[in-house]
Amino acid sequence: MGRVTTDSDGAESAAKPSVAERRALFNGEGAEVLAGALGLPPRVTSKGLSDRFAFFADAQRLAVVAGPQEEDDVELALAYAVRHAQGRSTVLVLPEGHANATSQRIPWLRSAARPSLFVHRDGKASPRPERSQLETVKAVIGRLGDVSPESELTDAMMPLHLGDTSDGVWELVERVTRDPRLDHGHRRGERSWHFAGQRLLSIRKGTEGTVVTAGIHYSGPKAPTPVVLPPGDHLSNQQVADIIQAIEQAIEERRSGTPPIHRPDEHWLQAIIRRDPSLVGVEQPALRELAAWRPRDSVNAWGRGYIDLLGLDGHGDIRIVETKLADNADDLLVLQGLDYFVWAKAYEHALRTRLGAAKNARLELHYVLGASGKTGKIKVSHCTKPLADALDPTAVRWRFQTLHKWFQPPDDVTAVESKVSEPCEVLSE
């Protein structure tokens, strides 16, 4: 299997098989070999099963076998296994080096929902011992090496300090900071200001000096041209006026519907919530876009993610808010939230200190679904309810919340309608 290509000299050579070709080969041959060696049920195919993986099933067992060609998407195997289990015991057979995220998540499921996990390489599979919940927390801490969670959290949350370079942009910074329409989104590498979740101004330090970029931060040909101030230089009155004009134009583009920016996207939903965290039951001060470590099912076993909102609720508990737009029926919504829950368990002492939380403050996952800005409806992936129901209720507290009529100017939340679920209840329409 594979294609033939012709080079500039007319010589033919075999092209590297595509992902689809490698998938078909693995699912048709490699997965069958592994299934036979492990004594799995017969191969099954149906319209409701993803062709990404090979499925093997009978009345008692369901097995999902993934090939290495799926790379990071191997993590979907757990979601599909839980979705299609229907009371059967489950088995996952994943490529070696692509099972870290799955190993981190399995211990947080109800015991009856936990799959047996095998990893395979060169046509041979071996069992992977199940981690305990405590071991998953230690795995998060272990990736920090000699750095403590407290130090790492402080470092990750420390935004760029302009220092002496601030003098050159003092007037500009004062004006945008006082603009009630704008929200800050400062990070380690830059200071930035946003409107409705869209970055409109950023200031960073570069080797050439202070770099100021104004306007919607497109990439590619539409990217705005930055102003570069050599050390010791100041923005002129004309430069400040031009930058302010670019910001005003960007606000109008975002607000009025200039393609492709104006749309009821997830950034707009997050901006509404961050501007008024009380919409999701979080009191100020709230931690926004909090950098956290998430496991991955790839050779790069960990990656950065950003928690949409985290803070104390009215009960004094620590609420971890994961938002999603209903137009995006994400199969991994529940598992992404779970990753942040486990990260928060690892950083629990640091978070309590940062938030001034009581020692007995509990962690709670809060999934927030924004209704479609087009239809006003809520829809979720077919994986969402089975995965949420599979979470271990003795270890993970979780709720769902829906928001309607949220697609308003960011400074007007009076029209937003909200419904919050009972504990361990999925809301959808």
Protein backbone atom coordinates (compact mmCIF):
# COMPACT_ATOMS: atom_id res chain seq x y z
CA MET A 1 0.00 0.00 0.00
CA GLY A 2 1.28 3.46 -0.84
CA ARG A 3 1.58 5.87 -3.70
CA VAL A 4 4.24 6.31 -6.36
CA THR A 5 5.71 9.75 -6.96
CA THR A 6 7.92 11.02 -9.75
CA ASP A 7 10.86 13.32 -9.00
CA SER A 8 12.20 16.12 -11.26
CA ASP A 9 14.34 13.63 -13.18
CA GLY A 10 11.38 11.39 -13.95
CA ALA A 11 12.45 8.65 -11.53
CA GLU A 12 9.66 6.91 -9.63
CA SER A 13 9.79 6.27 -5.89
CA ALA A 14 7.38 5.01 -3.27
CA ALA A 15 5.75 7.84 -1.30
CA LYS A 16 5.26 7.54 2.42
CA PRO A 17 1.82 6.05 3.09
CA SER A 18 -0.77 8.51 4.32
CA VAL A 19 -2.28 8.30 7.80
CA ALA A 20 -5.46 6.86 6.29
CA GLU A 21 -3.46 4.16 4.48
CA ARG A 22 -1.47 3.26 7.57
CA ARG A 23 -4.70 3.21 9.60
CA ALA A 24 -6.37 0.83 7.17
CA LEU A 25 -3.32 -1.45 7.18
CA PHE A 26 -3.03 -1.50 10.97
CA ASN A 27 -6.73 -1.96 11.66
CA GLY A 28 -7.01 -4.67 9.04
CA GLU A 29 -3.86 -6.62 9.92
CA GLY A 30 -1.88 -5.40 12.94
CA ALA A 31 -4.88 -5.07 15.22
CA GLU A 32 -6.10 -8.55 14.26
CA VAL A 33 -2.74 -10.05 15.24
CA LEU A 34 -2.84 -8.32 18.61
CA ALA A 35 -6.45 -9.35 19.18
CA GLY A 36 -5.62 -12.97 18.47
CA ALA A 37 -2.66 -12.94 20.86
CA LEU A 38 -4.77 -11.40 23.65
CA GLY A 39 -7.79 -13.62 23.06
CA LEU A 40 -10.08 -10.69 22.28
CA PRO A 41 -13.59 -11.11 20.82
CA PRO A 42 -14.21 -10.92 17.06
CA ARG A 43 -13.72 -7.70 15.07
CA VAL A 44 -16.87 -5.60 14.73
CA THR A 45 -17.70 -2.67 12.48
CA SER A 46 -20.79 -0.51 12.40
CA LYS A 47 -21.88 3.00 11.46
CA GLY A 48 -21.64 4.15 15.07
CA LEU A 49 -18.00 3.07 15.54
CA SER A 50 -15.12 5.32 14.58
CA ASP A 51 -12.90 3.97 11.79
CA ARG A 52 -9.95 5.55 13.60
CA PHE A 53 -9.57 2.42 15.75
CA ALA A 54 -10.25 -1.31 15.50
CA PHE A 55 -13.11 -2.56 17.69
CA PHE A 56 -13.52 -6.11 18.96
CA ALA A 57 -16.64 -7.09 20.89
CA ASP A 58 -19.07 -9.70 22.09
CA ALA A 59 -21.84 -9.63 24.70
CA GLN A 60 -19.38 -9.46 27.61
CA ARG A 61 -16.34 -7.50 26.38
CA LEU A 62 -15.43 -4.52 24.24
CA ALA A 63 -11.85 -3.88 23.13
CA VAL A 64 -10.45 -0.83 21.31
CA VAL A 65 -7.09 -1.24 19.57
CA ALA A 66 -5.17 1.85 18.43
CA GLY A 67 -2.24 2.07 16.07
CA PRO A 68 0.76 4.41 16.37
CA GLN A 69 -0.37 6.37 13.31
CA GLU A 70 -3.02 8.08 15.48
CA GLU A 71 -0.34 9.83 17.58
CA ASP A 72 -1.95 12.31 20.04
CA ASP A 73 -5.45 11.18 19.04
CA VAL A 74 -4.85 7.82 20.72
CA GLU A 75 -6.47 9.45 23.79
CA LEU A 76 -9.84 9.18 22.04
CA ALA A 77 -9.76 5.39 22.51
CA LEU A 78 -10.71 5.72 26.18
CA ALA A 79 -13.61 8.06 25.37
CA TYR A 80 -14.95 5.67 22.73
CA ALA A 81 -14.51 2.62 24.95
CA VAL A 82 -16.55 4.20 27.75
CA ARG A 83 -19.16 5.46 25.30
CA HIS A 84 -19.75 2.08 23.68
CA ALA A 85 -19.24 -0.16 26.73
CA GLN A 86 -22.95 -0.51 27.58
CA GLY A 87 -22.22 -2.55 30.68
CA ARG A 88 -19.46 -4.66 29.15
CA SER A 89 -15.93 -4.89 30.51
CA THR A 90 -13.49 -2.98 28.34
CA VAL A 91 -9.94 -3.40 27.11
CA LEU A 92 -7.65 -0.80 25.57
CA VAL A 93 -4.64 -1.79 23.47
CA LEU A 94 -2.54 1.30 22.78
CA PRO A 95 0.85 1.81 21.11
CA GLU A 96 3.80 1.96 23.47
CA GLY A 97 4.73 5.55 24.24
CA HIS A 98 1.17 6.73 23.62
CA ALA A 99 -0.59 5.81 26.85
CA ASN A 100 0.35 8.41 29.45
CA ALA A 101 -2.86 10.46 29.34
CA THR A 102 -5.00 7.33 29.38
CA SER A 103 -3.03 5.93 32.32
CA GLN A 104 -3.59 9.20 34.18
CA ARG A 105 -7.35 9.18 33.58
CA ILE A 106 -8.38 5.56 34.12
CA PRO A 107 -7.92 5.58 37.95
CA TRP A 108 -10.47 8.41 38.28
CA LEU A 109 -13.26 6.35 36.75
CA ARG A 110 -15.64 4.12 38.66
CA SER A 111 -14.08 0.70 39.15
CA ALA A 112 -16.69 -0.92 36.88
CA ALA A 113 -15.87 1.55 34.08
CA ARG A 114 -12.09 1.20 34.17
CA PRO A 115 -10.64 -0.57 31.13
CA SER A 116 -7.78 -3.02 31.31
CA LEU A 117 -4.82 -1.39 29.56
CA PHE A 118 -2.25 -3.04 27.29
CA VAL A 119 0.53 -1.42 25.28
CA HIS A 120 1.90 -2.89 22.08
CA ARG A 121 5.07 -2.67 20.04
CA ASP A 122 6.27 -4.70 17.06
CA GLY A 123 3.13 -6.83 17.14
CA LYS A 124 3.44 -7.80 20.79
CA ALA A 125 1.29 -6.51 23.67
CA SER A 126 1.92 -6.42 27.40
CA PRO A 127 -0.30 -5.35 30.30
CA ARG A 128 0.16 -1.92 31.83
CA PRO A 129 -0.44 -1.89 35.61
CA GLU A 130 -3.17 0.51 36.72
CA ARG A 131 -1.97 3.60 38.54
CA SER A 132 -3.64 4.65 41.76
CA GLN A 133 -5.21 8.08 42.02
CA LEU A 134 -2.35 9.12 44.30
CA GLU A 135 0.19 7.94 41.73
CA THR A 136 -1.42 10.12 39.06
CA VAL A 137 -1.09 13.15 41.34
CA LYS A 138 2.54 12.26 42.05
CA ALA A 139 3.15 11.93 38.30
CA VAL A 140 2.13 15.56 37.81
CA ILE A 141 4.47 16.68 40.59
CA GLY A 142 7.22 14.37 39.38
CA ARG A 143 7.50 16.11 36.03
CA LEU A 144 8.56 19.29 37.87
CA GLY A 145 11.84 17.76 39.01
CA ASP A 146 13.33 19.76 41.88
CA VAL A 147 10.86 22.65 41.51
CA SER A 148 7.97 22.77 43.97
CA PRO A 149 4.37 23.29 42.79
CA GLU A 150 4.32 26.57 44.74
CA SER A 151 7.39 27.91 42.92
CA GLU A 152 6.24 26.65 39.53
CA LEU A 153 2.77 28.15 39.96
CA THR A 154 4.21 31.51 40.98
CA ASP A 155 6.58 31.48 38.03
CA ALA A 156 3.87 30.44 35.55
CA MET A 157 1.49 33.14 36.76
CA MET A 158 4.02 35.97 36.84
CA PRO A 159 3.25 38.28 33.88
CA LEU A 160 5.89 40.21 32.02
CA HIS A 161 7.23 43.24 33.87
CA LEU A 162 8.04 46.05 31.46
CA GLY A 163 10.57 47.63 33.82
CA ASP A 164 12.45 50.60 32.39
CA THR A 165 10.89 50.04 28.99
CA SER A 166 7.54 51.08 30.48
CA ASP A 167 8.64 54.73 30.31
CA GLY A 168 8.55 54.65 26.52
CA VAL A 169 4.97 53.41 26.39
CA TRP A 170 3.65 54.97 29.61
CA GLU A 171 0.84 57.02 28.08
CA LEU A 172 -0.40 54.13 25.94
CA VAL A 173 -0.46 51.67 28.83
CA GLU A 174 -2.34 54.12 31.05
CA ARG A 175 -5.00 54.69 28.39
CA VAL A 176 -5.71 51.04 27.64
CA THR A 177 -5.61 50.04 31.30
CA ARG A 178 -8.32 52.59 32.07
CA ASP A 179 -10.48 51.63 29.08
CA PRO A 180 -13.49 49.77 30.58
CA ARG A 181 -14.05 47.87 27.34
CA LEU A 182 -10.71 46.09 27.50
CA ASP A 183 -9.61 43.12 29.60
CA HIS A 184 -6.02 42.28 30.33
CA GLY A 185 -4.55 38.93 29.35
CA HIS A 186 -0.96 39.34 30.54
CA ARG A 187 1.39 36.36 30.40
CA ARG A 188 5.06 35.72 31.02
CA GLY A 189 6.11 36.74 27.53
CA GLU A 190 3.91 39.78 27.01
CA ARG A 191 1.41 42.22 28.40
CA SER A 192 -1.77 42.27 26.36
CA TRP A 193 -5.28 43.71 26.27
CA HIS A 194 -8.37 42.05 24.76
CA PHE A 195 -11.89 42.86 23.66
CA ALA A 196 -14.49 40.06 23.69
CA GLY A 197 -11.68 37.51 23.91
CA GLN A 198 -9.77 38.95 20.95
CA ARG A 199 -6.23 40.23 21.53
CA LEU A 200 -5.99 43.82 20.29
CA LEU A 201 -2.78 45.12 21.86
CA SER A 202 0.40 43.41 23.00
CA ILE A 203 3.67 44.73 24.37
CA ARG A 204 6.72 42.55 24.72
CA LYS A 205 10.45 42.84 25.06
CA GLY A 206 12.61 41.78 22.14
CA THR A 207 16.29 41.80 21.38
CA GLU A 208 15.69 44.89 19.24
CA GLY A 209 13.75 46.74 21.96
CA THR A 210 10.11 47.10 22.98
CA VAL A 211 7.67 45.61 20.47
CA VAL A 212 4.14 47.08 20.38
CA THR A 213 1.52 45.38 18.21
CA ALA A 214 -1.95 46.90 17.80
CA GLY A 215 -4.99 45.54 15.98
CA ILE A 216 -6.46 42.09 15.78
CA HIS A 217 -3.57 39.69 16.09
CA TYR A 218 -4.04 37.77 12.88
CA SER A 219 -1.31 35.47 11.68
CA GLY A 220 0.00 35.34 8.14
CA PRO A 221 -0.43 38.12 5.59
CA LYS A 222 -3.05 39.97 7.65
CA ALA A 223 -0.82 40.20 10.72
CA PRO A 224 -0.55 43.80 12.00
CA THR A 225 2.81 45.53 11.65
CA PRO A 226 4.46 46.03 15.05
CA VAL A 227 6.11 49.22 16.24
CA VAL A 228 9.63 48.58 17.51
CA LEU A 229 11.12 51.01 20.04
CA PRO A 230 14.88 50.77 20.51
CA PRO A 231 16.00 50.92 24.17
CA GLY A 232 15.42 54.37 25.63
CA ASP A 233 13.03 55.53 22.87
CA HIS A 234 9.45 56.74 23.47
CA LEU A 235 6.30 56.44 21.42
CA SER A 236 5.60 59.71 19.64
CA ASN A 237 2.20 61.38 19.92
CA GLN A 238 1.45 60.28 16.37
CA GLN A 239 2.40 56.67 17.12
CA VAL A 240 0.13 56.63 20.17
CA ALA A 241 -2.71 58.08 18.09
CA ASP A 242 -2.18 55.48 15.35
CA ILE A 243 -2.13 52.64 17.89
CA ILE A 244 -5.33 53.87 19.54
CA GLN A 245 -6.98 54.12 16.13
CA ALA A 246 -5.92 50.53 15.33
CA ILE A 247 -7.43 49.37 18.63
CA GLU A 248 -10.70 51.20 17.91
CA GLN A 249 -10.87 49.67 14.45
CA ALA A 250 -10.23 46.21 15.89
CA ILE A 251 -12.99 46.66 18.46
CA GLU A 252 -15.39 47.64 15.70
CA GLU A 253 -14.36 44.63 13.61
CA ARG A 254 -14.96 42.30 16.53
CA ARG A 255 -18.24 43.92 17.47
CA SER A 256 -19.76 44.54 14.04
CA GLY A 257 -19.22 41.30 12.21
CA THR A 258 -16.23 41.87 9.94
CA PRO A 259 -15.23 38.38 8.70
CA PRO A 260 -13.64 36.21 9.85
CA ILE A 261 -13.43 37.54 13.39
CA HIS A 262 -16.98 38.29 14.48
CA ARG A 263 -18.66 35.07 15.41
CA PRO A 264 -20.07 33.60 18.62
CA ASP A 265 -16.89 31.73 19.40
CA GLU A 266 -15.51 30.22 22.58
CA HIS A 267 -13.20 33.20 23.19
CA TRP A 268 -16.22 35.49 23.40
CA LEU A 269 -17.94 33.12 25.85
CA GLN A 270 -14.82 32.98 28.01
CA ALA A 271 -14.54 36.78 27.97
CA ILE A 272 -18.11 37.11 29.27
CA ILE A 273 -17.36 34.71 32.13
CA ARG A 274 -14.01 36.24 33.03
CA ARG A 275 -15.50 39.72 33.12
CA ASP A 276 -18.20 38.51 35.53
CA PRO A 277 -17.08 35.25 37.21
CA SER A 278 -20.22 35.30 39.35
CA LEU A 279 -22.03 33.95 36.28
CA VAL A 280 -20.39 30.60 37.04
CA GLY A 281 -20.46 30.96 40.81
CA VAL A 282 -16.88 32.16 41.28
CA GLU A 283 -16.03 35.13 43.48
CA GLN A 284 -13.32 37.67 42.77
CA PRO A 285 -10.36 37.54 42.63
CA ALA A 286 -10.44 34.71 40.11
CA LEU A 287 -7.48 33.16 38.32
CA ARG A 288 -7.95 33.41 34.55
CA GLU A 289 -6.22 31.33 31.86
CA LEU A 290 -4.24 29.54 34.52
CA ALA A 291 -1.32 27.59 33.02
CA ALA A 292 -1.53 23.91 33.94
CA TRP A 293 0.15 20.68 32.91
CA ARG A 294 -1.92 18.13 31.00
CA PRO A 295 -0.93 14.56 30.12
CA ARG A 296 -0.69 13.56 26.47
CA ASP A 297 -0.83 10.22 24.73
CA SER A 298 2.30 10.86 22.74
CA VAL A 299 6.06 10.67 23.11
CA ASN A 300 5.81 14.20 24.52
CA ALA A 301 4.01 12.92 27.59
CA TRP A 302 3.02 16.34 28.97
CA GLY A 303 1.87 19.62 27.50
CA ARG A 304 0.62 23.02 28.63
CA GLY A 305 -3.06 23.74 28.88
CA TYR A 306 -4.92 26.73 30.28
CA ILE A 307 -7.73 26.51 32.81
CA ASP A 308 -10.42 28.96 31.74
CA LEU A 309 -11.21 30.11 35.27
CA LEU A 310 -10.37 28.97 38.79
CA GLY A 311 -11.36 30.51 42.09
CA LEU A 312 -13.38 30.22 45.27
CA ASP A 313 -17.12 29.78 45.04
CA GLY A 314 -19.63 31.08 47.55
CA HIS A 315 -19.18 27.97 49.69
CA GLY A 316 -15.44 28.55 50.00
CA ASP A 317 -14.59 25.59 47.78
CA ILE A 318 -12.19 25.76 44.82
CA ARG A 319 -14.09 25.72 41.54
CA ILE A 320 -12.33 24.66 38.33
CA VAL A 321 -14.25 26.02 35.33
CA GLU A 322 -13.95 24.36 31.93
CA THR A 323 -15.94 26.10 29.19
CA LYS A 324 -17.07 24.80 25.84
CA LEU A 325 -19.24 26.16 23.08
CA ALA A 326 -22.20 23.91 22.29
CA ASP A 327 -21.42 24.17 18.57
CA ASN A 328 -18.26 22.20 19.36
CA ALA A 329 -19.43 18.78 20.55
CA ASP A 330 -16.01 17.83 21.95
CA ASP A 331 -15.54 14.11 22.65
CA LEU A 332 -12.84 14.93 25.20
CA LEU A 333 -14.63 17.66 27.18
CA VAL A 334 -15.00 15.55 30.33
CA LEU A 335 -11.46 14.17 30.17
CA GLN A 336 -9.92 17.63 29.64
CA GLY A 337 -11.69 18.84 32.77
CA LEU A 338 -10.49 15.74 34.61
CA ASP A 339 -6.89 16.55 33.63
CA TYR A 340 -7.24 19.96 35.26
CA PHE A 341 -8.81 18.41 38.34
CA VAL A 342 -5.82 16.07 38.78
CA TRP A 343 -3.45 19.00 38.20
CA ALA A 344 -5.30 20.97 40.88
CA LYS A 345 -4.96 18.02 43.27
CA ALA A 346 -1.20 18.09 42.69
CA TYR A 347 -1.09 21.88 43.24
CA GLU A 348 -3.74 21.91 45.96
CA HIS A 349 -1.60 23.46 48.69
CA ALA A 350 -0.28 26.12 46.33
CA LEU A 351 -3.81 26.96 45.14
CA ARG A 352 -5.16 27.15 48.70
CA THR A 353 -2.40 29.55 49.64
CA ARG A 354 -2.90 31.66 46.53
CA LEU A 355 -6.68 31.88 47.00
CA GLY A 356 -6.75 32.02 50.80
CA ALA A 357 -8.89 28.87 50.87
CA ALA A 358 -9.63 26.90 54.01
CA LYS A 359 -7.75 23.67 54.62
CA ASN A 360 -10.91 21.65 54.09
CA ALA A 361 -11.94 23.49 50.91
CA ARG A 362 -12.93 20.95 48.27
CA LEU A 363 -12.11 20.87 44.56
CA GLU A 364 -15.05 20.88 42.18
CA LEU A 365 -15.13 20.58 38.39
CA HIS A 366 -17.58 22.96 36.79
CA TYR A 367 -18.35 22.30 33.11
CA VAL A 368 -19.93 25.34 31.44
CA LEU A 369 -21.66 24.93 28.09
CA GLY A 370 -22.53 28.01 26.07
CA ALA A 371 -25.60 27.59 23.91
CA SER A 372 -25.08 27.93 20.17
CA GLY A 373 -24.92 31.58 19.18
CA LYS A 374 -26.73 30.61 15.98
CA THR A 375 -29.50 28.27 17.15
CA GLY A 376 -29.61 28.92 20.89
CA LYS A 377 -29.46 25.17 21.51
CA ILE A 378 -27.19 23.02 23.67
CA LYS A 379 -25.68 19.87 22.25
CA VAL A 380 -22.93 17.66 23.60
CA SER A 381 -20.85 14.84 22.23
CA HIS A 382 -22.22 11.31 22.52
CA CYS A 383 -19.20 10.67 24.76
CA THR A 384 -20.03 13.38 27.29
CA LYS A 385 -22.71 11.75 29.41
CA PRO A 386 -21.13 8.25 29.50
CA LEU A 387 -17.75 9.75 30.48
CA ALA A 388 -19.25 12.06 33.11
CA ASP A 389 -21.30 9.20 34.56
CA ALA A 390 -18.14 7.06 34.62
CA LEU A 391 -16.21 9.50 36.86
CA ASP A 392 -15.61 8.18 40.37
CA PRO A 393 -18.13 10.15 42.49
CA THR A 394 -16.17 9.46 45.68
CA ALA A 395 -13.12 11.24 44.25
CA VAL A 396 -14.37 13.81 41.71
CA ARG A 397 -17.06 16.40 42.41
CA TRP A 398 -18.57 17.84 39.24
CA ARG A 399 -21.49 19.82 37.89
CA PHE A 400 -22.69 21.15 34.57
CA GLN A 401 -23.98 24.62 33.81
CA THR A 402 -25.58 25.96 30.64
CA LEU A 403 -25.57 29.58 29.49
CA HIS A 404 -28.04 31.03 26.98
CA LYS A 405 -28.11 34.48 25.39
CA TRP A 406 -24.47 35.02 26.27
CA PHE A 407 -23.56 36.47 22.88
CA GLN A 408 -23.91 40.07 24.03
CA PRO A 409 -21.48 42.99 24.34
CA PRO A 410 -18.91 41.85 26.93
CA ASP A 411 -19.90 44.61 29.37
CA ASP A 412 -23.58 43.56 29.37
CA VAL A 413 -24.40 40.25 31.03
CA THR A 414 -27.93 41.15 32.09
CA ALA A 415 -29.50 39.05 29.33
CA VAL A 416 -27.52 35.89 30.09
CA GLU A 417 -29.71 32.98 31.20
CA SER A 418 -28.20 30.20 33.28
CA LYS A 419 -29.07 26.78 34.62
CA VAL A 420 -26.90 24.78 37.02
CA SER A 421 -27.20 21.02 37.38
CA GLU A 422 -27.45 18.92 40.48
CA PRO A 423 -24.15 17.25 41.46
CA CYS A 424 -23.13 14.61 38.90
CA GLU A 425 -25.85 15.54 36.40
CA VAL A 426 -25.23 16.36 32.73
CA LEU A 427 -27.31 19.17 31.27
CA SER A 428 -28.08 19.19 27.56
CA GLU A 429 -30.99 19.92 25.25
